[in-house]
């Protein structure tokens, strides 16, 4: 998938565990793991906003676009 999730990077910078982040954001650790590992098909803006608030960051620090090999841009 061309959208890469960099929650691990921000967790390391903030010295925070996945469990702590899940508790503070109000989602289950399992759902956070799905998002963190790039297996999510969608993310709610409310969840993204909560992640940014807790991690004190911008959405672009958590999500980035990376072109797939051989993929043409529209």
N, C-alpha and C. Protein backbone atom coordinates (compact mmCIF):
# COMPACT_ATOMS: atom_id res chain seq x y z
N UNK A 1 0.85 -1.18 0.00
CA UNK A 1 0.00 0.00 0.00
C UNK A 1 0.89 1.24 0.00
N UNK A 2 0.55 2.23 -0.77
CA UNK A 2 1.42 3.40 -0.88
C UNK A 2 1.39 4.36 0.31
N UNK A 3 0.47 4.15 1.26
CA UNK A 3 0.44 4.98 2.47
C UNK A 3 1.19 4.23 3.56
N UNK A 4 2.23 4.87 4.09
CA UNK A 4 3.05 4.27 5.14
C UNK A 4 2.70 4.96 6.47
N UNK A 5 2.52 4.16 7.51
CA UNK A 5 2.18 4.68 8.83
C UNK A 5 3.45 4.66 9.70
N UNK A 6 3.81 5.83 10.21
CA UNK A 6 5.04 5.97 11.00
C UNK A 6 4.76 6.19 12.50
N UNK A 7 3.77 5.50 13.03
CA UNK A 7 3.46 5.65 14.45
C UNK A 7 4.63 5.17 15.30
N UNK A 8 5.32 4.11 14.87
CA UNK A 8 6.47 3.59 15.63
C UNK A 8 7.53 4.66 15.84
N UNK A 9 7.78 5.45 14.81
CA UNK A 9 8.80 6.51 14.89
C UNK A 9 8.41 7.52 15.96
N UNK A 10 7.14 7.94 15.94
CA UNK A 10 6.69 8.93 16.91
C UNK A 10 6.64 8.35 18.32
N UNK A 11 6.27 7.08 18.45
CA UNK A 11 6.28 6.44 19.76
C UNK A 11 7.69 6.43 20.35
N UNK A 12 8.67 6.13 19.53
CA UNK A 12 10.06 6.12 19.99
C UNK A 12 10.51 7.52 20.40
N UNK A 13 10.15 8.53 19.60
CA UNK A 13 10.52 9.91 19.93
C UNK A 13 9.89 10.36 21.24
N UNK A 14 8.66 9.90 21.49
CA UNK A 14 7.94 10.31 22.70
C UNK A 14 8.17 9.37 23.88
N UNK A 15 8.96 8.31 23.63
CA UNK A 15 9.24 7.30 24.66
C UNK A 15 7.94 6.79 25.29
N UNK A 16 7.04 6.38 24.41
CA UNK A 16 5.71 5.94 24.84
C UNK A 16 5.47 4.52 24.31
N UNK A 17 4.77 3.72 25.08
CA UNK A 17 4.45 2.36 24.65
C UNK A 17 3.16 2.35 23.84
N UNK A 18 2.96 1.27 23.10
CA UNK A 18 1.74 1.10 22.32
C UNK A 18 0.53 1.07 23.26
N UNK A 19 0.67 0.37 24.36
CA UNK A 19 -0.43 0.27 25.33
C UNK A 19 -0.81 1.62 25.90
N UNK A 20 0.18 2.43 26.24
CA UNK A 20 -0.09 3.76 26.78
C UNK A 20 -0.78 4.64 25.74
N UNK A 21 -0.29 4.59 24.50
CA UNK A 21 -0.91 5.37 23.43
C UNK A 21 -2.35 4.94 23.22
N UNK A 22 -2.60 3.64 23.17
CA UNK A 22 -3.96 3.14 22.97
C UNK A 22 -4.88 3.63 24.09
N UNK A 23 -4.42 3.56 25.33
CA UNK A 23 -5.22 4.03 26.47
C UNK A 23 -5.53 5.52 26.35
N UNK A 24 -4.53 6.31 26.02
CA UNK A 24 -4.70 7.76 25.96
C UNK A 24 -5.55 8.20 24.77
N UNK A 25 -5.50 7.43 23.68
CA UNK A 25 -6.29 7.77 22.49
C UNK A 25 -7.72 7.23 22.63
N UNK A 26 -7.87 6.14 23.35
CA UNK A 26 -9.20 5.55 23.54
C UNK A 26 -9.55 4.50 22.51
N UNK A 27 -8.53 3.78 22.02
CA UNK A 27 -8.77 2.66 21.12
C UNK A 27 -8.10 1.43 21.71
N UNK A 28 -8.47 0.27 21.21
CA UNK A 28 -7.88 -0.95 21.74
C UNK A 28 -6.46 -1.11 21.22
N UNK A 29 -5.60 -1.76 21.99
CA UNK A 29 -4.24 -2.03 21.49
C UNK A 29 -4.27 -2.83 20.19
N UNK A 30 -5.24 -3.71 20.02
CA UNK A 30 -5.34 -4.50 18.78
C UNK A 30 -5.63 -3.59 17.58
N UNK A 31 -6.55 -2.64 17.74
CA UNK A 31 -6.85 -1.72 16.64
C UNK A 31 -5.68 -0.80 16.35
N UNK A 32 -4.98 -0.39 17.38
CA UNK A 32 -3.79 0.45 17.18
C UNK A 32 -2.72 -0.35 16.43
N UNK A 33 -2.57 -1.63 16.77
CA UNK A 33 -1.59 -2.48 16.09
C UNK A 33 -1.92 -2.63 14.61
N UNK A 34 -3.20 -2.76 14.27
CA UNK A 34 -3.62 -2.85 12.87
C UNK A 34 -3.21 -1.59 12.12
N UNK A 35 -3.44 -0.44 12.73
CA UNK A 35 -3.06 0.83 12.11
C UNK A 35 -1.54 0.96 12.03
N UNK A 36 -0.87 0.68 13.12
CA UNK A 36 0.58 0.83 13.22
C UNK A 36 1.32 -0.06 12.23
N UNK A 37 0.79 -1.24 11.98
CA UNK A 37 1.46 -2.19 11.09
C UNK A 37 1.04 -2.05 9.64
N UNK A 38 0.26 -1.02 9.33
CA UNK A 38 -0.11 -0.75 7.95
C UNK A 38 -1.17 -1.67 7.38
N UNK A 39 -1.93 -2.35 8.22
CA UNK A 39 -2.96 -3.25 7.75
C UNK A 39 -4.34 -2.60 7.70
N UNK A 40 -4.46 -1.38 8.18
CA UNK A 40 -5.75 -0.69 8.19
C UNK A 40 -6.10 -0.22 6.78
N UNK A 41 -7.38 -0.30 6.45
CA UNK A 41 -7.86 0.17 5.15
C UNK A 41 -8.34 1.62 5.24
N UNK A 42 -8.60 2.09 6.47
CA UNK A 42 -9.09 3.45 6.67
C UNK A 42 -8.76 3.87 8.10
N UNK A 43 -8.77 5.18 8.31
CA UNK A 43 -8.62 5.71 9.66
C UNK A 43 -9.58 6.89 9.79
N UNK A 44 -10.31 6.93 10.88
CA UNK A 44 -11.23 8.05 11.11
C UNK A 44 -10.43 9.30 11.44
N UNK A 45 -10.94 10.43 10.98
CA UNK A 45 -10.29 11.70 11.29
C UNK A 45 -10.26 11.94 12.80
N UNK A 46 -11.28 11.48 13.51
CA UNK A 46 -11.29 11.66 14.97
C UNK A 46 -10.16 10.86 15.62
N UNK A 47 -9.89 9.67 15.09
CA UNK A 47 -8.78 8.87 15.61
C UNK A 47 -7.45 9.51 15.27
N UNK A 48 -7.31 9.99 14.05
CA UNK A 48 -6.08 10.67 13.63
C UNK A 48 -5.85 11.92 14.47
N UNK A 49 -6.91 12.67 14.72
CA UNK A 49 -6.80 13.88 15.55
C UNK A 49 -6.39 13.53 16.97
N UNK A 50 -6.95 12.46 17.52
CA UNK A 50 -6.59 12.04 18.88
C UNK A 50 -5.13 11.58 18.93
N UNK A 51 -4.69 10.84 17.91
CA UNK A 51 -3.28 10.42 17.85
C UNK A 51 -2.36 11.64 17.83
N UNK A 52 -2.71 12.62 17.00
CA UNK A 52 -1.89 13.83 16.89
C UNK A 52 -1.88 14.61 18.20
N UNK A 53 -3.02 14.69 18.87
CA UNK A 53 -3.09 15.41 20.14
C UNK A 53 -2.22 14.74 21.21
N UNK A 54 -2.34 13.43 21.31
CA UNK A 54 -1.57 12.69 22.33
C UNK A 54 -0.08 12.71 22.01
N UNK A 55 0.27 12.56 20.74
CA UNK A 55 1.68 12.51 20.35
C UNK A 55 2.27 13.89 20.06
N UNK A 56 1.44 14.93 20.13
CA UNK A 56 1.87 16.31 19.88
C UNK A 56 2.59 16.40 18.54
N UNK A 57 1.85 16.03 17.48
CA UNK A 57 2.44 16.02 16.15
C UNK A 57 1.39 16.39 15.11
N UNK A 58 1.80 16.47 13.87
CA UNK A 58 0.92 16.74 12.74
C UNK A 58 0.63 15.42 12.01
N UNK A 59 -0.51 15.33 11.30
CA UNK A 59 -0.84 14.10 10.57
C UNK A 59 0.28 13.65 9.62
N UNK A 60 0.96 14.59 9.00
CA UNK A 60 2.05 14.25 8.09
C UNK A 60 3.25 13.60 8.75
N UNK A 61 3.31 13.68 10.08
CA UNK A 61 4.38 12.99 10.80
C UNK A 61 4.01 11.54 11.08
N UNK A 62 2.74 11.20 10.91
CA UNK A 62 2.27 9.83 11.14
C UNK A 62 2.01 9.07 9.85
N UNK A 63 1.64 9.79 8.79
CA UNK A 63 1.29 9.18 7.51
C UNK A 63 2.11 9.80 6.39
N UNK A 64 2.57 8.95 5.48
CA UNK A 64 3.29 9.48 4.32
C UNK A 64 2.98 8.61 3.11
N UNK A 65 3.11 9.21 1.94
CA UNK A 65 2.87 8.53 0.67
C UNK A 65 4.19 8.03 0.12
N UNK A 66 4.20 6.79 -0.29
CA UNK A 66 5.40 6.20 -0.90
C UNK A 66 4.94 5.44 -2.14
N UNK A 67 5.42 5.86 -3.31
CA UNK A 67 5.00 5.20 -4.54
C UNK A 67 5.46 3.75 -4.57
N UNK A 68 4.57 2.90 -5.10
CA UNK A 68 4.91 1.49 -5.26
C UNK A 68 5.78 1.34 -6.49
N UNK A 69 6.66 0.36 -6.48
CA UNK A 69 7.53 0.12 -7.63
C UNK A 69 6.70 -0.14 -8.88
N UNK A 70 7.02 0.57 -9.94
CA UNK A 70 6.35 0.36 -11.21
C UNK A 70 4.98 0.99 -11.33
N UNK A 71 4.52 1.62 -10.28
CA UNK A 71 3.18 2.24 -10.32
C UNK A 71 3.26 3.60 -11.00
N UNK A 72 2.36 3.82 -11.89
CA UNK A 72 2.30 5.12 -12.56
C UNK A 72 1.36 6.04 -11.80
N UNK A 73 1.75 7.29 -11.71
CA UNK A 73 0.89 8.28 -11.07
C UNK A 73 -0.17 8.74 -12.05
N UNK A 74 -1.39 8.93 -11.57
CA UNK A 74 -2.47 9.38 -12.47
C UNK A 74 -2.25 10.80 -12.93
